[in-house]
Amino acid sequence: MLVRRTAFDLPLLLFLASATLGIWTAYDKDAAWSKFWLIVGGIIAFYAVVWMPERVGRVESLRIVFAALPLIIGIYFVLTNDWREPYNATRWLYQQWPTVADALPLLSGYRLHANTLSGLMAIFVPLQVAAFFNRPDLRDARRHPARAVLGLIAVGFSLVMLVGGRSQGAALALSLTTAGWLLQKGYARLSERWSRPMALLTLAIPLAIGAALFGPLALGLRTDRVDVWRNSFDLASDYPFTGLGLDNFTMPYSSYVLLVHVEHTTHAHNLYLDLWLNQGVLGLIAFVAMLVIAFTRRDVVPCWHTAALAAVTVLALHGVVDDALYGYHGGKAVALMFIPFGVLARPGEQLRALREERLHAPQPGRPRPTILVFAGAAGIAVMLGLLLLPATRAMFYRNMGALAQTQAEMSAYRLHREGSIQDAMRLRPDVNLQPAINDYLAALGQDPMDPGANRRLAQIELTLGRFEDAHAHLLKAYASAPHQRATRQLLGESYAIRGQVAEAVRLWRTVDVSQDQLTIRVWWYSLFTKQEERARWIEKAIESLD
């Protein structure tokens, strides 16, 4: 066969389809196309690993690739990183060894973020260890001690880069994966000598101690990320089916969640949320399907199976607390995300023999897969049933309205332009928000309490001066989803401009307004719309917050 089929083909096709959808939904097409070609490059890298020959001459090809890849990434970071930047995560190294850092050349080009460096090192270190040390013939390793020394130096350099990036989440993910592997090995050894219950009981003690140690550590890692995750989930819920587009997170997050007029946060710091926001629910489903296939693969070359599975495990665990692949400097590291899956897609000897047997055997008529047919029909019936529910139709209209609003507003919005706040931009004649308003009204026709449609519509109505309509919609949004940050701030504003200062203060005390969100509203009512009384009420509420 010229093309080697793999278990990941269908999820990868769905992933590519969702990336294509991410171009259509994006308001910034240039950024979306850049991310799309990185994803295409990553899929090509997947198939390059799958089709890679076992040997190039006398050299095993995979060993060369994974021995060198972390070294290349680390050296590239060292040569392009500006160690003197005040906000650089590696500035602490410059403070320790300024002479060494000053002596390093600073090359131009794409700057790899320190968190991305740590995430990539955590993913590829297991494969690098396998490349140097996981050899079936131990006598060969003993005859070549220089190879072991070189392996120790290379892996040591990779671990230094991992620690140098100071990503606690990446280090924790690699540590938990290593601990899981050791526990699995220990369970296998103990179950050979004792009964399985006794082996599990023996391992439960170190497992409980590890949980007691790592639990508080995990909870203490960047507690501010919890707010980002919660806010990002609220943003994604406005685009539940399609997402908001590839690499288009920053300004929608600022405009519709934090309610500020400048860039604030560049990604969700969670791989799964970023996938949902970039490529919709289809992209998230495709990635989860790849994880499921990876963890259920059995017929893989033995010396690579554990290492590749460990790499995927680190990727999955680290993705919960940070996003080294889709976030940080445009998420260019996404092109490397598919490589560990490519190792798991390479067939082992047993599967190769089975394929050869099937290829040369006569092909009898296959029985109809009755169970699969019925299961597929049942799944389609359930999907159609869900689509007929009013709440599902409301989510669809909300999604389309949010897309229409985002594309209309963000395409026209420009930072650092005079009067560049979102409310002023919404009043421009070239910004047509009527399609978004129609979709929100259609969503409310299906579900009058839909939180996203009520909040988004109220945000537009506050700009247009339809204050009573906005207040009614915000009350419904708050009743349905009181946890949403933007709803609480907007409802507080609605109370304030009605003169109900105490109610405004009560709501504003529950949200972080440290980015001058309320001062911006004073500007809007006093300088832009000349409604001095409403501006004074907001100022009075601000004074009561102190």
Protein backbone atom coordinates (compact mmCIF):
# COMPACT_ATOMS: atom_id res chain seq x y z
CA MET A 1 0.00 0.00 0.00
CA LEU A 2 1.28 3.44 -0.93
CA VAL A 3 -0.66 5.08 1.91
CA ARG A 4 -0.48 3.57 5.39
CA ARG A 5 -3.85 3.86 7.08
CA THR A 6 -3.85 4.54 10.82
CA ALA A 7 -6.35 4.52 13.68
CA PHE A 8 -5.99 8.29 13.90
CA ASP A 9 -7.05 9.07 10.31
CA LEU A 10 -10.69 9.89 11.06
CA PRO A 11 -9.99 12.10 14.13
CA LEU A 12 -7.30 13.93 12.15
CA LEU A 13 -9.74 14.50 9.30
CA LEU A 14 -12.29 15.89 11.75
CA PHE A 15 -9.57 18.03 13.34
CA LEU A 16 -8.64 19.46 9.95
CA ALA A 17 -12.32 20.10 9.17
CA SER A 18 -12.71 21.96 12.46
CA ALA A 19 -9.61 24.04 11.66
CA THR A 20 -11.21 24.95 8.34
CA LEU A 21 -14.33 25.98 10.25
CA GLY A 22 -12.04 28.10 12.44
CA ILE A 23 -11.03 30.12 9.38
CA TRP A 24 -14.67 30.77 8.43
CA THR A 25 -15.64 31.88 11.95
CA ALA A 26 -12.58 34.10 12.54
CA TYR A 27 -12.87 37.87 12.26
CA ASP A 28 -9.08 38.16 11.79
CA LYS A 29 -8.54 35.96 8.76
CA ASP A 30 -4.79 36.55 8.53
CA ALA A 31 -4.20 35.22 12.04
CA ALA A 32 -6.54 32.30 11.36
CA TRP A 33 -4.77 31.31 8.15
CA SER A 34 -1.39 31.40 9.95
CA LYS A 35 -2.66 29.01 12.64
CA PHE A 36 -4.35 26.81 10.01
CA TRP A 37 -1.11 26.19 8.10
CA LEU A 38 0.64 25.33 11.37
CA ILE A 39 -2.03 22.69 12.01
CA VAL A 40 -1.60 21.36 8.47
CA GLY A 41 2.15 21.21 9.08
CA GLY A 42 1.54 19.30 12.31
CA ILE A 43 -0.61 16.71 10.53
CA ILE A 44 2.08 16.35 7.87
CA ALA A 45 4.61 15.78 10.68
CA PHE A 46 2.30 13.07 12.07
CA TYR A 47 2.31 11.16 8.80
CA ALA A 48 6.04 11.74 8.36
CA VAL A 49 6.61 9.92 11.65
CA VAL A 50 4.18 7.15 10.63
CA TRP A 51 5.83 6.59 7.24
CA MET A 52 9.38 7.08 8.44
CA PRO A 53 11.53 4.04 7.56
CA GLU A 54 12.82 1.91 10.41
CA ARG A 55 16.43 2.60 9.49
CA VAL A 56 18.41 5.02 7.41
CA GLY A 57 21.49 2.97 6.65
CA ARG A 58 22.60 1.55 10.00
CA VAL A 59 20.90 4.23 12.04
CA GLU A 60 17.43 3.82 13.56
CA SER A 61 15.54 6.83 12.29
CA LEU A 62 13.21 7.40 15.26
CA ARG A 63 16.11 7.32 17.70
CA ILE A 64 17.92 10.05 15.79
CA VAL A 65 14.79 12.21 15.57
CA PHE A 66 13.83 12.05 19.24
CA ALA A 67 17.39 12.24 20.53
CA ALA A 68 17.92 15.46 18.57
CA LEU A 69 14.49 17.18 18.67
CA PRO A 70 14.57 18.40 22.32
CA LEU A 71 18.17 19.52 21.82
CA ILE A 72 17.22 21.54 18.74
CA ILE A 73 14.29 23.17 20.56
CA GLY A 74 16.42 23.98 23.61
CA ILE A 75 19.35 25.40 21.64
CA TYR A 76 16.98 27.48 19.53
CA PHE A 77 15.47 28.92 22.70
CA VAL A 78 18.88 29.72 24.18
CA LEU A 79 19.98 31.57 21.04
CA THR A 80 16.77 33.56 20.43
CA ASN A 81 15.68 34.29 24.01
CA ASP A 82 16.25 37.77 25.40
CA TRP A 83 17.38 36.91 28.90
CA ARG A 84 17.33 40.55 30.00
CA GLU A 85 13.62 41.22 29.39
CA PRO A 86 12.07 42.32 32.72
CA TYR A 87 8.92 40.19 32.24
CA ASN A 88 10.71 37.16 30.85
CA ALA A 89 10.23 34.00 32.93
CA THR A 90 13.94 33.25 32.50
CA ARG A 91 15.15 36.61 33.79
CA TRP A 92 16.00 34.91 37.08
CA LEU A 93 18.76 33.03 35.25
CA TYR A 94 20.13 36.31 33.94
CA GLN A 95 20.16 37.67 37.48
CA GLN A 96 22.16 34.62 38.62
CA TRP A 97 24.65 34.53 35.74
CA PRO A 98 24.59 37.91 33.93
CA THR A 99 28.05 37.45 32.39
CA VAL A 100 27.07 34.15 30.79
CA ALA A 101 23.76 35.53 29.53
CA ASP A 102 25.43 38.63 28.05
CA ALA A 103 27.89 36.43 26.19
CA LEU A 104 25.12 34.49 24.43
CA PRO A 105 24.26 35.71 20.92
CA LEU A 106 20.73 37.06 20.45
CA LEU A 107 19.46 35.88 17.07
CA SER A 108 16.42 37.38 15.40
CA GLY A 109 13.37 35.28 14.62
CA TYR A 110 10.39 33.74 16.34
CA ARG A 111 10.72 33.93 20.12
CA LEU A 112 9.73 30.75 21.91
CA HIS A 113 7.89 31.56 25.14
CA ALA A 114 9.43 30.05 28.28
CA ASN A 115 6.17 28.26 29.17
CA THR A 116 6.05 26.77 25.68
CA LEU A 117 9.64 25.60 26.11
CA SER A 118 8.79 23.84 29.37
CA GLY A 119 5.69 22.24 27.87
CA LEU A 120 7.55 20.91 24.84
CA MET A 121 10.42 19.59 26.93
CA ALA A 122 8.02 17.79 29.26
CA ILE A 123 6.36 16.15 26.24
CA PHE A 124 9.52 15.08 24.42
CA VAL A 125 11.76 14.08 27.35
CA PRO A 126 10.16 10.58 27.60
CA LEU A 127 10.82 10.02 23.89
CA GLN A 128 14.36 11.31 24.25
CA VAL A 129 14.99 8.93 27.15
CA ALA A 130 13.68 6.05 25.03
CA ALA A 131 15.90 7.10 22.13
CA PHE A 132 19.05 6.86 24.24
CA PHE A 133 18.35 4.21 26.85
CA ASN A 134 15.47 1.95 25.84
CA ARG A 135 17.37 -0.63 23.81
CA PRO A 136 16.43 -4.28 23.60
CA ASP A 137 20.05 -5.42 23.69
CA LEU A 138 21.64 -4.34 26.96
CA ARG A 139 25.02 -5.83 25.96
CA ASP A 140 25.08 -3.34 23.07
CA ALA A 141 24.67 -0.49 25.54
CA ARG A 142 27.48 -1.86 27.69
CA ARG A 143 29.81 -1.99 24.70
CA HIS A 144 29.09 1.68 24.01
CA PRO A 145 29.41 3.61 27.31
CA ALA A 146 29.94 6.84 25.37
CA ARG A 147 26.36 6.57 24.11
CA ALA A 148 25.08 6.43 27.70
CA VAL A 149 27.16 9.46 28.68
CA LEU A 150 25.89 11.37 25.65
CA GLY A 151 22.33 10.39 26.60
CA LEU A 152 22.78 11.65 30.15
CA ILE A 153 24.11 14.98 28.86
CA ALA A 154 21.28 15.37 26.34
CA VAL A 155 18.50 14.45 28.77
CA GLY A 156 20.11 16.60 31.46
CA PHE A 157 20.12 19.59 29.07
CA SER A 158 16.43 19.00 28.29
CA LEU A 159 15.57 18.87 32.00
CA VAL A 160 17.51 22.08 32.60
CA MET A 161 15.45 23.73 29.86
CA LEU A 162 12.28 22.36 31.45
CA VAL A 163 13.20 23.83 34.82
CA GLY A 164 14.53 27.03 33.24
CA GLY A 165 11.13 27.78 31.73
CA ARG A 166 9.70 27.71 35.26
CA SER A 167 6.41 26.14 34.18
CA GLN A 168 5.29 24.36 37.33
CA GLY A 169 2.41 22.75 35.45
CA ALA A 170 4.73 21.11 32.91
CA ALA A 171 7.08 19.83 35.62
CA LEU A 172 4.13 18.51 37.62
CA ALA A 173 2.64 16.77 34.58
CA LEU A 174 5.95 15.02 33.84
CA SER A 175 6.37 14.10 37.52
CA LEU A 176 2.87 12.63 37.76
CA THR A 177 3.38 10.68 34.54
CA THR A 178 6.68 9.28 35.81
CA ALA A 179 5.09 8.39 39.15
CA GLY A 180 2.25 6.63 37.35
CA TRP A 181 4.72 4.61 35.30
CA LEU A 182 6.66 3.60 38.44
CA LEU A 183 3.44 2.58 40.18
CA GLN A 184 2.41 0.51 37.18
CA LYS A 185 5.80 -1.22 37.16
CA GLY A 186 5.60 -1.78 40.90
CA TYR A 187 2.10 -3.23 40.63
CA ALA A 188 3.23 -5.63 37.88
CA ARG A 189 6.17 -6.85 40.00
CA LEU A 190 4.13 -7.20 43.19
CA SER A 191 1.22 -8.97 41.51
CA GLU A 192 3.66 -11.65 40.35
CA ARG A 193 4.58 -12.44 43.97
CA TRP A 194 1.39 -11.63 45.86
CA SER A 195 -2.32 -11.48 45.10
CA ARG A 196 -3.63 -8.47 43.18
CA PRO A 197 -5.58 -7.04 46.15
CA MET A 198 -2.43 -7.23 48.27
CA ALA A 199 -0.39 -5.52 45.54
CA LEU A 200 -2.98 -2.72 45.26
CA LEU A 201 -3.05 -2.29 49.03
CA THR A 202 0.75 -2.08 49.15
CA LEU A 203 0.79 0.61 46.46
CA ALA A 204 -2.08 2.53 48.05
CA ILE A 205 0.21 3.81 50.82
CA PRO A 206 2.75 5.67 48.58
CA LEU A 207 -0.15 6.75 46.37
CA ALA A 208 -1.91 8.35 49.34
CA ILE A 209 1.32 10.04 50.46
CA GLY A 210 1.90 11.36 46.92
CA ALA A 211 -1.65 12.69 46.70
CA ALA A 212 -1.23 14.41 50.08
CA LEU A 213 1.95 16.09 48.85
CA PHE A 214 0.96 16.93 45.30
CA GLY A 215 -2.65 17.90 46.01
CA PRO A 216 -1.91 21.17 47.85
CA LEU A 217 0.89 21.90 45.37
CA ALA A 218 -1.45 21.49 42.39
CA LEU A 219 -4.12 23.64 44.02
CA GLY A 220 -1.55 26.31 44.79
CA LEU A 221 -0.22 26.60 41.22
CA ARG A 222 -1.32 29.94 39.85
CA THR A 223 -4.72 30.25 41.51
CA ASP A 224 -5.37 33.27 39.25
CA ARG A 225 -5.75 30.79 36.39
CA VAL A 226 -9.07 29.65 37.85
CA ASP A 227 -10.61 33.02 36.94
CA VAL A 228 -9.20 32.77 33.42
CA TRP A 229 -10.64 29.27 33.00
CA ARG A 230 -14.03 30.32 34.32
CA ASN A 231 -14.14 33.41 32.11
CA SER A 232 -12.94 31.46 29.08
CA PHE A 233 -15.68 28.87 29.63
CA ASP A 234 -18.23 31.70 29.73
CA LEU A 235 -16.84 33.03 26.45
CA ALA A 236 -16.89 29.58 24.84
CA SER A 237 -20.51 29.11 25.92
CA ASP A 238 -21.45 32.03 23.65
CA TYR A 239 -20.02 30.06 20.69
CA PRO A 240 -20.92 26.50 21.79
CA PHE A 241 -20.86 24.83 18.38
CA THR A 242 -18.39 26.76 16.21
CA GLY A 243 -15.95 28.50 18.52
CA LEU A 244 -14.87 32.04 17.64
CA GLY A 245 -12.07 31.25 15.17
CA LEU A 246 -8.44 30.27 14.99
CA ASP A 247 -6.14 32.54 16.99
CA ASN A 248 -8.93 35.11 17.59
CA PHE A 249 -9.18 34.88 21.38
CA THR A 250 -7.65 38.09 22.70
CA MET A 251 -10.04 40.93 21.85
CA PRO A 252 -13.31 38.95 22.22
CA TYR A 253 -12.12 37.93 25.70
CA SER A 254 -11.41 41.57 26.54
CA SER A 255 -14.57 42.97 24.94
CA TYR A 256 -17.20 40.43 25.99
CA VAL A 257 -15.88 39.00 29.27
CA LEU A 258 -13.55 41.50 30.96
CA LEU A 259 -15.33 44.47 29.32
CA VAL A 260 -12.10 46.39 28.66
CA HIS A 261 -11.03 48.03 25.43
CA VAL A 262 -7.43 46.79 25.26
CA GLU A 263 -5.73 43.42 24.88
CA HIS A 264 -5.42 41.63 28.20
CA THR A 265 -5.16 37.82 27.97
CA THR A 266 -3.96 35.98 24.88
CA HIS A 267 -5.36 32.49 25.51
CA ALA A 268 -7.37 30.40 27.97
CA HIS A 269 -4.36 28.71 29.66
CA ASN A 270 -6.17 25.41 29.09
CA LEU A 271 -5.65 23.31 25.97
CA TYR A 272 -9.21 21.95 25.92
CA LEU A 273 -10.83 25.38 26.27
CA ASP A 274 -8.52 26.81 23.60
CA LEU A 275 -9.44 23.98 21.25
CA TRP A 276 -13.14 24.66 21.83
CA LEU A 277 -12.68 28.40 21.29
CA ASN A 278 -10.44 28.00 18.24
CA GLN A 279 -12.17 25.15 16.44
CA GLY A 280 -15.52 24.58 18.08
CA VAL A 281 -16.87 21.44 19.66
CA LEU A 282 -15.83 19.37 16.62
CA GLY A 283 -12.15 20.15 17.18
CA LEU A 284 -12.44 19.30 20.87
CA ILE A 285 -14.18 15.99 20.09
CA ALA A 286 -11.50 15.11 17.51
CA PHE A 287 -8.68 15.75 19.98
CA VAL A 288 -10.36 13.76 22.77
CA ALA A 289 -10.89 10.91 20.28
CA MET A 290 -7.15 10.98 19.53
CA LEU A 291 -6.41 10.70 23.25
CA VAL A 292 -8.80 7.77 23.63
CA ILE A 293 -7.22 5.96 20.67
CA ALA A 294 -3.73 6.67 22.03
CA PHE A 295 -4.55 5.18 25.44
CA THR A 296 -6.14 2.08 23.91
CA ARG A 297 -3.39 1.31 21.38
CA ARG A 298 -1.63 -1.96 22.05
CA ASP A 299 0.22 -3.10 18.93
CA VAL A 300 3.05 -0.55 18.90
CA VAL A 301 6.79 -1.21 18.75
CA PRO A 302 7.45 -2.10 22.42
CA CYS A 303 10.48 0.12 22.95
CA TRP A 304 8.44 3.17 21.87
CA HIS A 305 4.98 2.40 23.26
CA THR A 306 5.63 3.45 26.87
CA ALA A 307 7.57 6.58 25.89
CA ALA A 308 4.98 7.75 23.36
CA LEU A 309 2.15 7.04 25.76
CA ALA A 310 4.00 8.99 28.45
CA ALA A 311 4.40 11.92 26.04
CA VAL A 312 0.68 11.93 25.26
CA THR A 313 -0.11 11.68 28.98
CA VAL A 314 2.06 14.71 29.74
CA LEU A 315 0.36 16.60 26.90
CA ALA A 316 -3.09 15.71 28.25
CA LEU A 317 -2.25 16.52 31.89
CA HIS A 318 -0.38 19.76 31.21
CA GLY A 319 -3.23 20.86 28.94
CA VAL A 320 -5.50 21.01 31.97
CA VAL A 321 -3.46 23.71 33.71
CA ASP A 322 -1.85 25.52 30.76
CA ASP A 323 -1.65 25.56 26.98
CA ALA A 324 1.89 25.40 25.66
CA LEU A 325 0.67 24.51 22.15
CA TYR A 326 -2.19 26.84 21.19
CA GLY A 327 -1.24 29.76 23.41
CA TYR A 328 1.83 31.97 23.74
CA HIS A 329 3.09 33.99 20.77
CA GLY A 330 0.54 32.76 18.24
CA GLY A 331 0.68 29.11 19.29
CA LYS A 332 3.26 28.09 16.72
CA ALA A 333 4.17 25.04 18.81
CA VAL A 334 0.90 23.43 17.70
CA ALA A 335 2.83 21.99 14.73
CA LEU A 336 4.62 19.64 17.17
CA MET A 337 1.47 18.44 18.95
CA PHE A 338 0.79 15.49 16.66
CA ILE A 339 4.26 13.88 16.72
CA PRO A 340 3.73 11.60 19.79
CA PHE A 341 0.51 10.35 18.22
CA GLY A 342 2.48 9.51 15.08
CA VAL A 343 4.72 7.20 17.11
CA LEU A 344 1.65 5.39 18.46
CA ALA A 345 0.29 5.09 14.92
CA ARG A 346 3.32 3.12 13.71
CA PRO A 347 2.23 -0.54 13.58
CA GLY A 348 4.06 -3.20 15.56
CA GLU A 349 5.23 -6.51 14.16
CA GLN A 350 2.00 -8.34 15.08
CA LEU A 351 -0.16 -5.84 13.24
CA ARG A 352 2.14 -5.87 10.22
CA ALA A 353 1.91 -9.66 10.00
CA LEU A 354 -1.86 -9.51 10.28
CA ARG A 355 -2.05 -6.95 7.49
CA GLU A 356 0.14 -9.07 5.24
CA GLU A 357 -2.06 -12.09 5.95
CA ARG A 358 -5.20 -10.13 5.10
CA LEU A 359 -3.62 -8.66 1.99
CA HIS A 360 -2.84 -12.10 0.50
CA ALA A 361 -5.85 -14.00 1.83
CA PRO A 362 -9.03 -14.37 -0.26
CA GLN A 363 -11.67 -11.83 0.65
CA PRO A 364 -14.91 -13.56 1.64
CA GLY A 365 -18.16 -11.69 1.81
CA ARG A 366 -18.33 -9.85 5.09
CA PRO A 367 -21.44 -10.09 7.28
CA ARG A 368 -23.33 -6.87 7.79
CA PRO A 369 -22.28 -5.19 11.03
CA THR A 370 -25.81 -5.15 12.46
CA ILE A 371 -24.82 -3.88 15.90
CA LEU A 372 -22.79 -1.01 14.44
CA VAL A 373 -25.63 -0.06 12.10
CA PHE A 374 -28.13 0.06 14.95
CA ALA A 375 -25.70 1.94 17.20
CA GLY A 376 -25.04 4.51 14.47
CA ALA A 377 -28.76 4.91 13.78
CA ALA A 378 -29.45 5.35 17.49
CA GLY A 379 -26.71 7.98 17.78
CA ILE A 380 -28.09 9.93 14.83
CA ALA A 381 -31.61 9.72 16.30
CA VAL A 382 -30.38 11.09 19.63
CA MET A 383 -28.55 13.93 17.87
CA LEU A 384 -31.64 14.85 15.86
CA GLY A 385 -33.75 14.71 19.03
CA LEU A 386 -31.39 17.11 20.77
CA LEU A 387 -31.49 19.47 17.81
CA LEU A 388 -35.27 19.64 18.09
CA LEU A 389 -35.15 20.84 21.70
CA PRO A 390 -35.89 24.59 22.13
CA ALA A 391 -32.81 25.02 24.34
CA THR A 392 -30.57 23.53 21.64
CA ARG A 393 -32.08 25.78 18.97
CA ALA A 394 -31.58 28.75 21.29
CA MET A 395 -27.90 27.79 21.66
CA PHE A 396 -27.59 27.65 17.88
CA TYR A 397 -29.10 31.12 17.38
CA ARG A 398 -26.98 32.47 20.24
CA ASN A 399 -23.89 31.02 18.57
CA MET A 400 -24.73 32.61 15.22
CA GLY A 401 -25.55 35.93 16.86
CA ALA A 402 -22.27 35.96 18.79
CA LEU A 403 -20.38 35.21 15.57
CA ALA A 404 -22.19 37.98 13.70
CA GLN A 405 -21.52 40.46 16.50
CA THR A 406 -17.85 39.49 16.85
CA GLN A 407 -17.18 39.65 13.11
CA ALA A 408 -18.98 43.00 12.75
CA GLU A 409 -17.39 44.66 15.77
CA MET A 410 -13.90 43.21 15.96
CA SER A 411 -13.28 43.59 12.20
CA ALA A 412 -13.90 47.31 12.59
CA TYR A 413 -12.27 47.82 15.99
CA ARG A 414 -8.75 49.21 16.10
CA LEU A 415 -6.68 49.84 19.22
CA HIS A 416 -5.13 53.25 19.91
CA ARG A 417 -7.58 55.02 17.62
CA GLU A 418 -9.22 58.16 19.02
CA GLY A 419 -12.44 57.15 20.72
CA SER A 420 -11.53 53.49 20.40
CA ILE A 421 -13.85 51.89 22.89
CA GLN A 422 -16.32 49.27 21.80
CA ASP A 423 -19.43 51.37 22.44
CA ALA A 424 -18.24 54.12 20.11
CA MET A 425 -17.41 51.58 17.44
CA ARG A 426 -20.90 50.03 17.69
CA LEU A 427 -22.45 53.34 16.69
CA ARG A 428 -20.46 53.63 13.48
CA PRO A 429 -22.62 53.40 10.34
CA ASP A 430 -20.36 50.76 8.77
CA VAL A 431 -20.87 48.36 11.71
CA ASN A 432 -24.11 46.48 11.09
CA LEU A 433 -25.27 44.74 14.25
CA GLN A 434 -28.81 44.04 13.06
CA PRO A 435 -28.05 40.41 12.00
CA ALA A 436 -26.66 39.71 15.47
CA ILE A 437 -29.68 41.36 17.13
CA ASN A 438 -32.03 39.25 14.99
CA ASP A 439 -30.23 36.06 15.99
CA TYR A 440 -30.35 36.98 19.68
CA LEU A 441 -34.09 37.67 19.42
CA ALA A 442 -34.55 34.33 17.65
CA ALA A 443 -32.66 32.62 20.50
CA LEU A 444 -34.89 34.32 23.07
CA GLY A 445 -37.91 33.22 21.06
CA GLN A 446 -36.80 29.63 21.71
CA ASP A 447 -35.63 30.17 25.29
CA PRO A 448 -36.52 33.54 26.89
CA MET A 449 -34.05 32.89 29.73
CA ASP A 450 -31.01 32.10 27.54
CA PRO A 451 -28.16 33.78 29.45
CA GLY A 452 -25.81 34.48 26.56
CA ALA A 453 -28.41 35.95 24.23
CA ASN A 454 -29.83 38.16 27.01
CA ARG A 455 -26.41 39.43 28.06
CA ARG A 456 -25.09 40.05 24.55
CA LEU A 457 -28.29 41.81 23.47
CA ALA A 458 -28.28 43.94 26.63
CA GLN A 459 -24.67 44.99 26.00
CA ILE A 460 -25.71 46.35 22.59
CA GLU A 461 -28.85 47.97 24.03
CA LEU A 462 -26.83 49.83 26.68
CA THR A 463 -24.74 51.33 23.89
CA LEU A 464 -27.82 52.29 21.89
CA GLY A 465 -29.48 53.91 24.92
CA ARG A 466 -32.28 51.34 25.26
CA PHE A 467 -31.80 51.20 29.00
CA GLU A 468 -35.11 49.63 30.07
CA ASP A 469 -34.80 46.80 27.53
CA ALA A 470 -31.19 46.23 28.58
CA HIS A 471 -32.14 46.05 32.26
CA ALA A 472 -34.90 43.50 31.59
CA HIS A 473 -32.55 41.30 29.57
CA LEU A 474 -29.78 41.54 32.18
CA LEU A 475 -32.14 40.49 34.97
CA LYS A 476 -32.98 37.34 32.98
CA ALA A 477 -29.32 36.68 32.22
CA TYR A 478 -28.41 37.03 35.90
CA ALA A 479 -31.28 34.77 36.97
CA SER A 480 -30.09 32.06 34.54
CA ALA A 481 -26.31 32.36 35.07
CA PRO A 482 -25.39 34.52 38.08
CA HIS A 483 -21.80 33.20 37.95
CA GLN A 484 -20.95 34.97 34.67
CA ARG A 485 -18.61 37.87 35.32
CA ALA A 486 -19.75 40.10 32.44
CA THR A 487 -23.41 39.77 33.43
CA ARG A 488 -22.72 40.94 36.96
CA GLN A 489 -20.74 43.97 35.80
CA LEU A 490 -23.30 44.95 33.16
CA LEU A 491 -26.24 44.51 35.53
CA GLY A 492 -24.38 46.60 38.10
CA GLU A 493 -23.96 49.32 35.46
CA SER A 494 -27.66 49.11 34.62
CA TYR A 495 -28.55 49.55 38.28
CA ALA A 496 -26.09 52.45 38.66
CA ILE A 497 -27.40 54.50 35.71
CA ARG A 498 -30.92 54.04 37.10
CA GLY A 499 -29.78 55.59 40.38
CA GLN A 500 -29.83 52.29 42.31
CA VAL A 501 -26.29 52.72 43.57
CA ALA A 502 -26.52 50.21 46.43
CA GLU A 503 -27.52 47.39 44.05
CA ALA A 504 -24.69 48.35 41.69
CA VAL A 505 -22.14 48.27 44.51
CA ARG A 506 -23.40 44.86 45.69
CA LEU A 507 -22.80 43.35 42.25
CA TRP A 508 -19.53 45.13 41.54
CA ARG A 509 -18.05 43.84 44.79
CA THR A 510 -18.28 40.33 43.30
CA VAL A 511 -16.19 41.09 40.20
CA ASP A 512 -12.60 42.16 39.59
CA VAL A 513 -12.70 45.69 38.18
CA SER A 514 -9.00 46.40 38.64
CA GLN A 515 -8.53 47.03 34.90
CA ASP A 516 -10.41 50.38 35.12
CA GLN A 517 -13.59 48.85 33.71
CA LEU A 518 -15.78 51.27 35.67
CA THR A 519 -13.71 54.33 34.80
CA ILE A 520 -14.23 53.49 31.13
CA ARG A 521 -18.00 53.59 31.73
CA VAL A 522 -17.71 57.02 33.34
CA TRP A 523 -15.86 58.23 30.23
CA TRP A 524 -18.54 56.79 27.99
CA TYR A 525 -21.47 58.48 29.72
CA SER A 526 -19.74 61.80 30.44
CA LEU A 527 -17.50 62.38 27.40
CA PHE A 528 -19.14 60.42 24.59
CA THR A 529 -22.91 60.56 25.25
CA LYS A 530 -22.96 63.69 27.47
CA GLN A 531 -25.15 62.00 30.09
CA GLU A 532 -23.57 63.62 33.10
CA GLU A 533 -26.12 62.42 35.63
CA ARG A 534 -25.59 58.77 34.74
CA ALA A 535 -21.82 59.28 34.91
CA ARG A 536 -22.15 60.82 38.41
CA TRP A 537 -24.15 57.83 39.63
CA ILE A 538 -21.43 55.48 38.42
CA GLU A 539 -18.78 57.66 40.10
CA LYS A 540 -20.79 57.54 43.34
CA ALA A 541 -20.91 53.75 43.12
CA ILE A 542 -17.15 53.63 42.51
CA GLU A 543 -16.56 55.76 45.62
CA SER A 544 -18.70 53.35 47.65
CA LEU A 545 -16.52 50.44 46.52
CA ASP A 546 -13.42 51.88 48.21
